[in-house]
C-alpha cells in the first residue's frame, strides 16, 4: 500500500495500525509504543 489510507481501506479485516516512534538503541532500530516494542534490523529504508 502506498499510504495509510490504502492500507486501512483495502483488506478484510482492515490492517492493524499502531502509533509509536522509530528510535535507535545501539545498533538496533526499535519501534516503540506505549505497550509494545518491535525490534527491527540494523539497516533499512527508514533511519
ModelCIF file with pLDDT and N, C-alpha, C, O atoms, coordinates in Angstrom:
data_MODEL
#
_entry.id   MODEL 
#
_entity.id                         1 
_entity.type                       polymer 
_entity.pdbx_number_of_molecules   1 
#
_entity_poly.entity_id                      1 
_entity_poly.type                           'polypeptide(L)' 
_entity_poly.nstd_linkage                   no 
_entity_poly.nstd_monomer                   no 
_entity_poly.pdbx_seq_one_letter_code       
;(UNK)(UNK)(UNK)(UNK)(UNK)(UNK)(UNK)(UNK)(UNK)(UNK)(UNK)(UNK)(UNK)(UNK)(UNK)(UNK)
(UNK)(UNK)(UNK)(UNK)(UNK)(UNK)(UNK)(UNK)(UNK)(UNK)(UNK)(UNK)(UNK)(UNK)(UNK)(UNK)
(UNK)(UNK)(UNK)(UNK)(UNK)(UNK)(UNK)(UNK)(UNK)(UNK)(UNK)(UNK)(UNK)(UNK)(UNK)
;
_entity_poly.pdbx_seq_one_letter_code_can   XXXXXXXXXXXXXXXXXXXXXXXXXXXXXXXXXXXXXXXXXXXXXXX 
_entity_poly.pdbx_strand_id                 A 
#
loop_
_entity_poly_seq.entity_id 
_entity_poly_seq.num 
_entity_poly_seq.mon_id 
_entity_poly_seq.hetero 
1 1  UNK n 
1 2  UNK n 
1 3  UNK n 
1 4  UNK n 
1 5  UNK n 
1 6  UNK n 
1 7  UNK n 
1 8  UNK n 
1 9  UNK n 
1 10 UNK n 
1 11 UNK n 
1 12 UNK n 
1 13 UNK n 
1 14 UNK n 
1 15 UNK n 
1 16 UNK n 
1 17 UNK n 
1 18 UNK n 
1 19 UNK n 
1 20 UNK n 
1 21 UNK n 
1 22 UNK n 
1 23 UNK n 
1 24 UNK n 
1 25 UNK n 
1 26 UNK n 
1 27 UNK n 
1 28 UNK n 
1 29 UNK n 
1 30 UNK n 
1 31 UNK n 
1 32 UNK n 
1 33 UNK n 
1 34 UNK n 
1 35 UNK n 
1 36 UNK n 
1 37 UNK n 
1 38 UNK n 
1 39 UNK n 
1 40 UNK n 
1 41 UNK n 
1 42 UNK n 
1 43 UNK n 
1 44 UNK n 
1 45 UNK n 
1 46 UNK n 
1 47 UNK n 
#
_struct_asym.id          A 
_struct_asym.entity_id   1 
#
loop_
_ma_qa_metric.id 
_ma_qa_metric.mode 
_ma_qa_metric.name 
_ma_qa_metric.software_group_id 
_ma_qa_metric.type 
1 global pLDDT . pLDDT 
2 local  pLDDT . pLDDT 
#
_ma_qa_metric_global.metric_id      1 
_ma_qa_metric_global.metric_value   81.96 
_ma_qa_metric_global.model_id       1 
_ma_qa_metric_global.ordinal_id     1 
#
loop_
_ma_qa_metric_local.label_asym_id 
_ma_qa_metric_local.label_comp_id 
_ma_qa_metric_local.label_seq_id 
_ma_qa_metric_local.metric_id 
_ma_qa_metric_local.metric_value 
_ma_qa_metric_local.model_id 
_ma_qa_metric_local.ordinal_id 
A UNK 1  2 95.00 1 1  
A UNK 2  2 95.00 1 2  
A UNK 3  2 96.00 1 3  
A UNK 4  2 96.00 1 4  
A UNK 5  2 97.00 1 5  
A UNK 6  2 97.00 1 6  
A UNK 7  2 95.00 1 7  
A UNK 8  2 94.00 1 8  
A UNK 9  2 96.00 1 9  
A UNK 10 2 95.00 1 10 
A UNK 11 2 91.00 1 11 
A UNK 12 2 87.00 1 12 
A UNK 13 2 90.00 1 13 
A UNK 14 2 91.00 1 14 
A UNK 15 2 94.00 1 15 
A UNK 16 2 94.00 1 16 
A UNK 17 2 94.00 1 17 
A UNK 18 2 91.00 1 18 
A UNK 19 2 92.00 1 19 
A UNK 20 2 90.00 1 20 
A UNK 21 2 89.00 1 21 
A UNK 22 2 84.00 1 22 
A UNK 23 2 83.00 1 23 
A UNK 24 2 79.00 1 24 
A UNK 25 2 78.00 1 25 
A UNK 26 2 76.00 1 26 
A UNK 27 2 74.00 1 27 
A UNK 28 2 75.00 1 28 
A UNK 29 2 77.00 1 29 
A UNK 30 2 80.00 1 30 
A UNK 31 2 83.00 1 31 
A UNK 32 2 85.00 1 32 
A UNK 33 2 85.00 1 33 
A UNK 34 2 77.00 1 34 
A UNK 35 2 75.00 1 35 
A UNK 36 2 81.00 1 36 
A UNK 37 2 79.00 1 37 
A UNK 38 2 75.00 1 38 
A UNK 39 2 73.00 1 39 
A UNK 40 2 70.00 1 40 
A UNK 41 2 58.00 1 41 
A UNK 42 2 57.00 1 42 
A UNK 43 2 55.00 1 43 
A UNK 44 2 57.00 1 44 
A UNK 45 2 55.00 1 45 
A UNK 46 2 62.00 1 46 
A UNK 47 2 60.00 1 47 
#
loop_
_atom_site.group_PDB 
_atom_site.id 
_atom_site.type_symbol 
_atom_site.label_atom_id 
_atom_site.label_alt_id 
_atom_site.label_comp_id 
_atom_site.label_asym_id 
_atom_site.label_entity_id 
_atom_site.label_seq_id 
_atom_site.pdbx_PDB_ins_code 
_atom_site.Cartn_x 
_atom_site.Cartn_y 
_atom_site.Cartn_z 
_atom_site.occupancy 
_atom_site.B_iso_or_equiv 
_atom_site.pdbx_formal_charge 
_atom_site.auth_seq_id 
_atom_site.auth_comp_id 
_atom_site.auth_asym_id 
_atom_site.auth_atom_id 
_atom_site.pdbx_PDB_model_num 
ATOM 1   N N  . UNK A 1 1  ? 0.832   -1.214 0.000  1.00 95.00 ? 1  UNK A N  1 
ATOM 2   C CA . UNK A 1 1  ? 0.000   0.000  0.000  1.00 95.00 ? 1  UNK A CA 1 
ATOM 3   C C  . UNK A 1 1  ? 0.860   1.256  0.000  1.00 95.00 ? 1  UNK A C  1 
ATOM 4   O O  . UNK A 1 1  ? 1.857   1.344  0.717  1.00 95.00 ? 1  UNK A O  1 
ATOM 5   N N  . UNK A 1 2  ? 0.458   2.223  -0.814 1.00 95.00 ? 2  UNK A N  1 
ATOM 6   C CA . UNK A 1 2  ? 1.246   3.445  -0.949 1.00 95.00 ? 2  UNK A CA 1 
ATOM 7   C C  . UNK A 1 2  ? 1.128   4.357  0.260  1.00 95.00 ? 2  UNK A C  1 
ATOM 8   O O  . UNK A 1 2  ? 2.008   5.181  0.511  1.00 95.00 ? 2  UNK A O  1 
ATOM 9   N N  . UNK A 1 3  ? 0.040   4.209  1.010  1.00 96.00 ? 3  UNK A N  1 
ATOM 10  C CA . UNK A 1 3  ? -0.150  5.072  2.174  1.00 96.00 ? 3  UNK A CA 1 
ATOM 11  C C  . UNK A 1 3  ? -1.093  4.396  3.166  1.00 96.00 ? 3  UNK A C  1 
ATOM 12  O O  . UNK A 1 3  ? -1.619  3.309  2.924  1.00 96.00 ? 3  UNK A O  1 
ATOM 13  N N  . UNK A 1 4  ? -1.284  5.077  4.283  1.00 96.00 ? 4  UNK A N  1 
ATOM 14  C CA . UNK A 1 4  ? -2.081  4.518  5.370  1.00 96.00 ? 4  UNK A CA 1 
ATOM 15  C C  . UNK A 1 4  ? -3.542  4.354  4.976  1.00 96.00 ? 4  UNK A C  1 
ATOM 16  O O  . UNK A 1 4  ? -4.198  3.416  5.431  1.00 96.00 ? 4  UNK A O  1 
ATOM 17  N N  . UNK A 1 5  ? -4.073  5.258  4.128  1.00 97.00 ? 5  UNK A N  1 
ATOM 18  C CA . UNK A 1 5  ? -5.464  5.127  3.708  1.00 97.00 ? 5  UNK A CA 1 
ATOM 19  C C  . UNK A 1 5  ? -5.672  3.827  2.937  1.00 97.00 ? 5  UNK A C  1 
ATOM 20  O O  . UNK A 1 5  ? -6.600  3.073  3.231  1.00 97.00 ? 5  UNK A O  1 
ATOM 21  N N  . UNK A 1 6  ? -4.821  3.562  1.962  1.00 97.00 ? 6  UNK A N  1 
ATOM 22  C CA . UNK A 1 6  ? -4.962  2.336  1.174  1.00 97.00 ? 6  UNK A CA 1 
ATOM 23  C C  . UNK A 1 6  ? -4.804  1.115  2.073  1.00 97.00 ? 6  UNK A C  1 
ATOM 24  O O  . UNK A 1 6  ? -5.540  0.139  1.932  1.00 97.00 ? 6  UNK A O  1 
ATOM 25  N N  . UNK A 1 7  ? -3.847  1.168  2.995  1.00 95.00 ? 7  UNK A N  1 
ATOM 26  C CA . UNK A 1 7  ? -3.609  0.046  3.900  1.00 95.00 ? 7  UNK A CA 1 
ATOM 27  C C  . UNK A 1 7  ? -4.840  -0.277 4.730  1.00 95.00 ? 7  UNK A C  1 
ATOM 28  O O  . UNK A 1 7  ? -5.145  -1.447 4.962  1.00 95.00 ? 7  UNK A O  1 
ATOM 29  N N  . UNK A 1 8  ? -5.551  0.756  5.178  1.00 94.00 ? 8  UNK A N  1 
ATOM 30  C CA . UNK A 1 8  ? -6.713  0.540  6.038  1.00 94.00 ? 8  UNK A CA 1 
ATOM 31  C C  . UNK A 1 8  ? -7.985  0.273  5.245  1.00 94.00 ? 8  UNK A C  1 
ATOM 32  O O  . UNK A 1 8  ? -8.898  -0.385 5.745  1.00 94.00 ? 8  UNK A O  1 
ATOM 33  N N  . UNK A 1 9  ? -8.056  0.781  4.003  1.00 96.00 ? 9  UNK A N  1 
ATOM 34  C CA . UNK A 1 9  ? -9.282  0.656  3.212  1.00 96.00 ? 9  UNK A CA 1 
ATOM 35  C C  . UNK A 1 9  ? -9.352  -0.676 2.469  1.00 96.00 ? 9  UNK A C  1 
ATOM 36  O O  . UNK A 1 9  ? -10.439 -1.211 2.248  1.00 96.00 ? 9  UNK A O  1 
ATOM 37  N N  . UNK A 1 10 ? -8.203  -1.205 2.090  1.00 95.00 ? 10 UNK A N  1 
ATOM 38  C CA . UNK A 1 10 ? -8.155  -2.444 1.310  1.00 95.00 ? 10 UNK A CA 1 
ATOM 39  C C  . UNK A 1 10 ? -7.788  -3.603 2.228  1.00 95.00 ? 10 UNK A C  1 
ATOM 40  O O  . UNK A 1 10 ? -6.755  -3.572 2.896  1.00 95.00 ? 10 UNK A O  1 
ATOM 41  N N  . UNK A 1 11 ? -8.631  -4.613 2.256  1.00 91.00 ? 11 UNK A N  1 
ATOM 42  C CA . UNK A 1 11 ? -8.365  -5.796 3.062  1.00 91.00 ? 11 UNK A CA 1 
ATOM 43  C C  . UNK A 1 11 ? -9.479  -6.082 4.039  1.00 91.00 ? 11 UNK A C  1 
ATOM 44  O O  . UNK A 1 11 ? -10.069 -5.166 4.612  1.00 91.00 ? 11 UNK A O  1 
ATOM 45  N N  . UNK A 1 12 ? -9.770  -7.375 4.232  1.00 87.00 ? 12 UNK A N  1 
ATOM 46  C CA . UNK A 1 12 ? -10.780 -7.838 5.192  1.00 87.00 ? 12 UNK A CA 1 
ATOM 47  C C  . UNK A 1 12 ? -10.114 -8.784 6.173  1.00 87.00 ? 12 UNK A C  1 
ATOM 48  O O  . UNK A 1 12 ? -9.590  -9.814 5.751  1.00 87.00 ? 12 UNK A O  1 
ATOM 49  N N  . UNK A 1 13 ? -10.110 -8.485 7.443  1.00 90.00 ? 13 UNK A N  1 
ATOM 50  C CA . UNK A 1 13 ? -10.426 -7.205 8.076  1.00 90.00 ? 13 UNK A CA 1 
ATOM 51  C C  . UNK A 1 13 ? -9.308  -6.194 7.828  1.00 90.00 ? 13 UNK A C  1 
ATOM 52  O O  . UNK A 1 13 ? -8.260  -6.564 7.299  1.00 90.00 ? 13 UNK A O  1 
ATOM 53  N N  . UNK A 1 14 ? -9.506  -4.925 8.198  1.00 91.00 ? 14 UNK A N  1 
ATOM 54  C CA . UNK A 1 14 ? -8.506  -3.899 7.886  1.00 91.00 ? 14 UNK A CA 1 
ATOM 55  C C  . UNK A 1 14 ? -7.210  -4.099 8.653  1.00 91.00 ? 14 UNK A C  1 
ATOM 56  O O  . UNK A 1 14 ? -7.172  -4.777 9.680  1.00 91.00 ? 14 UNK A O  1 
ATOM 57  N N  . UNK A 1 15 ? -6.155  -3.496 8.135  1.00 94.00 ? 15 UNK A N  1 
ATOM 58  C CA . UNK A 1 15 ? -4.833  -3.610 8.729  1.00 94.00 ? 15 UNK A CA 1 
ATOM 59  C C  . UNK A 1 15 ? -4.800  -3.018 10.141 1.00 94.00 ? 15 UNK A C  1 
ATOM 60  O O  . UNK A 1 15 ? -5.432  -1.998 10.414 1.00 94.00 ? 15 UNK A O  1 
ATOM 61  N N  . UNK A 1 16 ? -4.050  -3.679 11.034 1.00 94.00 ? 16 UNK A N  1 
ATOM 62  C CA . UNK A 1 16 ? -3.754  -3.108 12.341 1.00 94.00 ? 16 UNK A CA 1 
ATOM 63  C C  . UNK A 1 16 ? -2.770  -1.957 12.161 1.00 94.00 ? 16 UNK A C  1 
ATOM 64  O O  . UNK A 1 16 ? -1.744  -2.123 11.502 1.00 94.00 ? 16 UNK A O  1 
ATOM 65  N N  . UNK A 1 17 ? -3.062  -0.806 12.729 1.00 94.00 ? 17 UNK A N  1 
ATOM 66  C CA . UNK A 1 17 ? -2.194  0.369  12.646 1.00 94.00 ? 17 UNK A CA 1 
ATOM 67  C C  . UNK A 1 17 ? -1.835  0.817  14.059 1.00 94.00 ? 17 UNK A C  1 
ATOM 68  O O  . UNK A 1 17 ? -2.714  1.164  14.849 1.00 94.00 ? 17 UNK A O  1 
ATOM 69  N N  . UNK A 1 18 ? -0.554  0.807  14.370 1.00 91.00 ? 18 UNK A N  1 
ATOM 70  C CA . UNK A 1 18 ? -0.071  1.104  15.714 1.00 91.00 ? 18 UNK A CA 1 
ATOM 71  C C  . UNK A 1 18 ? 0.780   2.369  15.691 1.00 91.00 ? 18 UNK A C  1 
ATOM 72  O O  . UNK A 1 18 ? 1.763   2.442  14.954 1.00 91.00 ? 18 UNK A O  1 
ATOM 73  N N  . UNK A 1 19 ? 0.415   3.345  16.479 1.00 92.00 ? 19 UNK A N  1 
ATOM 74  C CA . UNK A 1 19 ? 1.154   4.603  16.544 1.00 92.00 ? 19 UNK A CA 1 
ATOM 75  C C  . UNK A 1 19 ? 2.302   4.485  17.542 1.00 92.00 ? 19 UNK A C  1 
ATOM 76  O O  . UNK A 1 19 ? 2.134   3.966  18.646 1.00 92.00 ? 19 UNK A O  1 
ATOM 77  N N  . UNK A 1 20 ? 3.468   4.973  17.136 1.00 90.00 ? 20 UNK A N  1 
ATOM 78  C CA . UNK A 1 20 ? 4.626   4.934  18.024 1.00 90.00 ? 20 UNK A CA 1 
ATOM 79  C C  . UNK A 1 20 ? 5.774   5.744  17.463 1.00 90.00 ? 20 UNK A C  1 
ATOM 80  O O  . UNK A 1 20 ? 5.570   6.666  16.673 1.00 90.00 ? 20 UNK A O  1 
ATOM 81  N N  . UNK A 1 21 ? 6.990   5.396  17.875 1.00 89.00 ? 21 UNK A N  1 
ATOM 82  C CA . UNK A 1 21 ? 8.189   6.104  17.425 1.00 89.00 ? 21 UNK A CA 1 
ATOM 83  C C  . UNK A 1 21 ? 9.235   5.110  16.955 1.00 89.00 ? 21 UNK A C  1 
ATOM 84  O O  . UNK A 1 21 ? 9.329   3.996  17.470 1.00 89.00 ? 21 UNK A O  1 
ATOM 85  N N  . UNK A 1 22 ? 10.030  5.533  15.956 1.00 84.00 ? 22 UNK A N  1 
ATOM 86  C CA . UNK A 1 22 ? 11.151  4.740  15.476 1.00 84.00 ? 22 UNK A CA 1 
ATOM 87  C C  . UNK A 1 22 ? 12.420  5.344  16.072 1.00 84.00 ? 22 UNK A C  1 
ATOM 88  O O  . UNK A 1 22 ? 12.760  6.492  15.788 1.00 84.00 ? 22 UNK A O  1 
ATOM 89  N N  . UNK A 1 23 ? 13.105  4.578  16.885 1.00 83.00 ? 23 UNK A N  1 
ATOM 90  C CA . UNK A 1 23 ? 14.294  5.085  17.587 1.00 83.00 ? 23 UNK A CA 1 
ATOM 91  C C  . UNK A 1 23 ? 15.431  4.089  17.423 1.00 83.00 ? 23 UNK A C  1 
ATOM 92  O O  . UNK A 1 23 ? 15.222  2.957  16.987 1.00 83.00 ? 23 UNK A O  1 
ATOM 93  N N  . UNK A 1 24 ? 16.652  4.527  17.781 1.00 79.00 ? 24 UNK A N  1 
ATOM 94  C CA . UNK A 1 24 ? 17.811  3.652  17.736 1.00 79.00 ? 24 UNK A CA 1 
ATOM 95  C C  . UNK A 1 24 ? 18.392  3.497  19.127 1.00 79.00 ? 24 UNK A C  1 
ATOM 96  O O  . UNK A 1 24 ? 18.571  4.466  19.865 1.00 79.00 ? 24 UNK A O  1 
ATOM 97  N N  . UNK A 1 25 ? 18.680  2.248  19.462 1.00 78.00 ? 25 UNK A N  1 
ATOM 98  C CA . UNK A 1 25 ? 19.370  1.943  20.709 1.00 78.00 ? 25 UNK A CA 1 
ATOM 99  C C  . UNK A 1 25 ? 20.569  1.078  20.360 1.00 78.00 ? 25 UNK A C  1 
ATOM 100 O O  . UNK A 1 25 ? 20.413  -0.100 20.039 1.00 78.00 ? 25 UNK A O  1 
ATOM 101 N N  . UNK A 1 26 ? 21.772  1.656  20.420 1.00 76.00 ? 26 UNK A N  1 
ATOM 102 C CA . UNK A 1 26 ? 22.964  0.946  19.981 1.00 76.00 ? 26 UNK A CA 1 
ATOM 103 C C  . UNK A 1 26 ? 22.883  0.672  18.499 1.00 76.00 ? 26 UNK A C  1 
ATOM 104 O O  . UNK A 1 26 ? 22.710  1.596  17.704 1.00 76.00 ? 26 UNK A O  1 
ATOM 105 N N  . UNK A 1 27 ? 23.008  -0.595 18.113 1.00 74.00 ? 27 UNK A N  1 
ATOM 106 C CA . UNK A 1 27 ? 22.927  -0.979 16.707 1.00 74.00 ? 27 UNK A CA 1 
ATOM 107 C C  . UNK A 1 27 ? 21.504  -1.335 16.271 1.00 74.00 ? 27 UNK A C  1 
ATOM 108 O O  . UNK A 1 27 ? 21.265  -1.661 15.108 1.00 74.00 ? 27 UNK A O  1 
ATOM 109 N N  . UNK A 1 28 ? 20.575  -1.270 17.209 1.00 75.00 ? 28 UNK A N  1 
ATOM 110 C CA . UNK A 1 28 ? 19.212  -1.715 16.915 1.00 75.00 ? 28 UNK A CA 1 
ATOM 111 C C  . UNK A 1 28 ? 18.282  -0.556 16.596 1.00 75.00 ? 28 UNK A C  1 
ATOM 112 O O  . UNK A 1 28 ? 18.373  0.521  17.186 1.00 75.00 ? 28 UNK A O  1 
ATOM 113 N N  . UNK A 1 29 ? 17.397  -0.800 15.659 1.00 77.00 ? 29 UNK A N  1 
ATOM 114 C CA . UNK A 1 29 ? 16.280  0.121  15.408 1.00 77.00 ? 29 UNK A CA 1 
ATOM 115 C C  . UNK A 1 29 ? 15.059  -0.447 16.108 1.00 77.00 ? 29 UNK A C  1 
ATOM 116 O O  . UNK A 1 29 ? 14.759  -1.635 15.990 1.00 77.00 ? 29 UNK A O  1 
ATOM 117 N N  . UNK A 1 30 ? 14.356  0.412  16.838 1.00 80.00 ? 30 UNK A N  1 
ATOM 118 C CA . UNK A 1 30 ? 13.200  -0.035 17.598 1.00 80.00 ? 30 UNK A CA 1 
ATOM 119 C C  . UNK A 1 30 ? 11.966  0.772  17.230 1.00 80.00 ? 30 UNK A C  1 
ATOM 120 O O  . UNK A 1 30 ? 12.032  1.987  17.045 1.00 80.00 ? 30 UNK A O  1 
ATOM 121 N N  . UNK A 1 31 ? 10.831  0.070  17.125 1.00 83.00 ? 31 UNK A N  1 
ATOM 122 C CA . UNK A 1 31 ? 9.539   0.748  17.093 1.00 83.00 ? 31 UNK A CA 1 
ATOM 123 C C  . UNK A 1 31 ? 8.969   0.654  18.495 1.00 83.00 ? 31 UNK A C  1 
ATOM 124 O O  . UNK A 1 31 ? 8.805   -0.442 19.032 1.00 83.00 ? 31 UNK A O  1 
ATOM 125 N N  . UNK A 1 32 ? 8.666   1.805  19.093 1.00 85.00 ? 32 UNK A N  1 
ATOM 126 C CA . UNK A 1 32 ? 8.154   1.843  20.458 1.00 85.00 ? 32 UNK A CA 1 
ATOM 127 C C  . UNK A 1 32 ? 6.758   2.441  20.484 1.00 85.00 ? 32 UNK A C  1 
ATOM 128 O O  . UNK A 1 32 ? 6.499   3.484  19.884 1.00 85.00 ? 32 UNK A O  1 
ATOM 129 N N  . UNK A 1 33 ? 5.869   1.765  21.186 1.00 85.00 ? 33 UNK A N  1 
ATOM 130 C CA . UNK A 1 33 ? 4.578   2.344  21.526 1.00 85.00 ? 33 UNK A CA 1 
ATOM 131 C C  . UNK A 1 33 ? 4.412   2.200  23.033 1.00 85.00 ? 33 UNK A C  1 
ATOM 132 O O  . UNK A 1 33 ? 5.331   1.765  23.726 1.00 85.00 ? 33 UNK A O  1 
ATOM 133 N N  . UNK A 1 34 ? 3.243   2.566  23.533 1.00 77.00 ? 34 UNK A N  1 
ATOM 134 C CA . UNK A 1 34 ? 3.047   2.518  24.981 1.00 77.00 ? 34 UNK A CA 1 
ATOM 135 C C  . UNK A 1 34 ? 3.200   1.115  25.542 1.00 77.00 ? 34 UNK A C  1 
ATOM 136 O O  . UNK A 1 34 ? 3.740   0.941  26.634 1.00 77.00 ? 34 UNK A O  1 
ATOM 137 N N  . UNK A 1 35 ? 2.730   0.114  24.809 1.00 75.00 ? 35 UNK A N  1 
ATOM 138 C CA . UNK A 1 35 ? 2.684   -1.233 25.363 1.00 75.00 ? 35 UNK A CA 1 
ATOM 139 C C  . UNK A 1 35 ? 3.558   -2.232 24.634 1.00 75.00 ? 35 UNK A C  1 
ATOM 140 O O  . UNK A 1 35 ? 3.711   -3.363 25.098 1.00 75.00 ? 35 UNK A O  1 
ATOM 141 N N  . UNK A 1 36 ? 4.140   -1.847 23.499 1.00 81.00 ? 36 UNK A N  1 
ATOM 142 C CA . UNK A 1 36 ? 4.892   -2.787 22.678 1.00 81.00 ? 36 UNK A CA 1 
ATOM 143 C C  . UNK A 1 36 ? 6.236   -2.213 22.277 1.00 81.00 ? 36 UNK A C  1 
ATOM 144 O O  . UNK A 1 36 ? 6.400   -1.000 22.150 1.00 81.00 ? 36 UNK A O  1 
ATOM 145 N N  . UNK A 1 37 ? 7.202   -3.110 22.080 1.00 79.00 ? 37 UNK A N  1 
ATOM 146 C CA . UNK A 1 37 ? 8.477   -2.767 21.463 1.00 79.00 ? 37 UNK A CA 1 
ATOM 147 C C  . UNK A 1 37 ? 8.723   -3.756 20.332 1.00 79.00 ? 37 UNK A C  1 
ATOM 148 O O  . UNK A 1 37 ? 8.759   -4.967 20.551 1.00 79.00 ? 37 UNK A O  1 
ATOM 149 N N  . UNK A 1 38 ? 8.893   -3.226 19.109 1.00 75.00 ? 38 UNK A N  1 
ATOM 150 C CA . UNK A 1 38 ? 9.265   -4.070 17.985 1.00 75.00 ? 38 UNK A CA 1 
ATOM 151 C C  . UNK A 1 38 ? 10.718  -3.763 17.667 1.00 75.00 ? 38 UNK A C  1 
ATOM 152 O O  . UNK A 1 38 ? 11.059  -2.614 17.385 1.00 75.00 ? 38 UNK A O  1 
ATOM 153 N N  . UNK A 1 39 ? 11.579  -4.774 17.708 1.00 73.00 ? 39 UNK A N  1 
ATOM 154 C CA . UNK A 1 39 ? 12.984  -4.567 17.364 1.00 73.00 ? 39 UNK A CA 1 
ATOM 155 C C  . UNK A 1 39 ? 13.184  -4.867 15.892 1.00 73.00 ? 39 UNK A C  1 
ATOM 156 O O  . UNK A 1 39 ? 12.867  -5.959 15.420 1.00 73.00 ? 39 UNK A O  1 
ATOM 157 N N  . UNK A 1 40 ? 13.717  -3.879 15.163 1.00 70.00 ? 40 UNK A N  1 
ATOM 158 C CA . UNK A 1 40 ? 13.928  -4.013 13.726 1.00 70.00 ? 40 UNK A CA 1 
ATOM 159 C C  . UNK A 1 40 ? 15.388  -4.298 13.445 1.00 70.00 ? 40 UNK A C  1 
ATOM 160 O O  . UNK A 1 40 ? 16.235  -4.171 14.329 1.00 70.00 ? 40 UNK A O  1 
ATOM 161 N N  . UNK A 1 41 ? 15.680  -4.680 12.222 1.00 58.00 ? 41 UNK A N  1 
ATOM 162 C CA . UNK A 1 41 ? 17.058  -4.940 11.839 1.00 58.00 ? 41 UNK A CA 1 
ATOM 163 C C  . UNK A 1 41 ? 17.893  -3.675 11.877 1.00 58.00 ? 41 UNK A C  1 
ATOM 164 O O  . UNK A 1 41 ? 17.335  -2.579 11.918 1.00 58.00 ? 41 UNK A O  1 
ATOM 165 N N  . UNK A 1 42 ? 19.224  -3.793 11.865 1.00 57.00 ? 42 UNK A N  1 
ATOM 166 C CA . UNK A 1 42 ? 20.094  -2.626 11.976 1.00 57.00 ? 42 UNK A CA 1 
ATOM 167 C C  . UNK A 1 42 ? 20.032  -1.696 10.777 1.00 57.00 ? 42 UNK A C  1 
ATOM 168 O O  . UNK A 1 42 ? 20.257  -0.495 10.920 1.00 57.00 ? 42 UNK A O  1 
ATOM 169 N N  . UNK A 1 43 ? 19.727  -2.232 9.584  1.00 55.00 ? 43 UNK A N  1 
ATOM 170 C CA . UNK A 1 43 ? 19.618  -1.400 8.395  1.00 55.00 ? 43 UNK A CA 1 
ATOM 171 C C  . UNK A 1 43 ? 18.187  -1.276 7.950  1.00 55.00 ? 43 UNK A C  1 
ATOM 172 O O  . UNK A 1 43 ? 17.293  -1.850 8.571  1.00 55.00 ? 43 UNK A O  1 
ATOM 173 N N  . UNK A 1 44 ? 17.948  -0.530 6.876  1.00 57.00 ? 44 UNK A N  1 
ATOM 174 C CA . UNK A 1 44 ? 16.594  -0.401 6.365  1.00 57.00 ? 44 UNK A CA 1 
ATOM 175 C C  . UNK A 1 44 ? 16.403  0.906  5.641  1.00 57.00 ? 44 UNK A C  1 
ATOM 176 O O  . UNK A 1 44 ? 17.266  1.784  5.660  1.00 57.00 ? 44 UNK A O  1 
ATOM 177 N N  . UNK A 1 45 ? 15.235  1.022  4.990  1.00 55.00 ? 45 UNK A N  1 
ATOM 178 C CA . UNK A 1 45 ? 14.954  2.216  4.199  1.00 55.00 ? 45 UNK A CA 1 
ATOM 179 C C  . UNK A 1 45 ? 14.732  3.437  5.072  1.00 55.00 ? 45 UNK A C  1 
ATOM 180 O O  . UNK A 1 45 ? 14.910  4.566  4.613  1.00 55.00 ? 45 UNK A O  1 
ATOM 181 N N  . UNK A 1 46 ? 14.346  3.229  6.320  1.00 62.00 ? 46 UNK A N  1 
ATOM 182 C CA . UNK A 1 46 ? 13.999  4.348  7.196  1.00 62.00 ? 46 UNK A CA 1 
ATOM 183 C C  . UNK A 1 46 ? 14.957  4.374  8.374  1.00 62.00 ? 46 UNK A C  1 
ATOM 184 O O  . UNK A 1 46 ? 15.097  3.391  9.101  1.00 62.00 ? 46 UNK A O  1 
ATOM 185 N N  . UNK A 1 47 ? 15.612  5.508  8.552  1.00 60.00 ? 47 UNK A N  1 
ATOM 186 C CA . UNK A 1 47 ? 16.508  5.675  9.692  1.00 60.00 ? 47 UNK A CA 1 
ATOM 187 C C  . UNK A 1 47 ? 15.754  6.269  10.863 1.00 60.00 ? 47 UNK A C  1 
ATOM 188 O O  . UNK A 1 47 ? 16.335  6.489  11.925 1.00 60.00 ? 47 UNK A O  1 
#
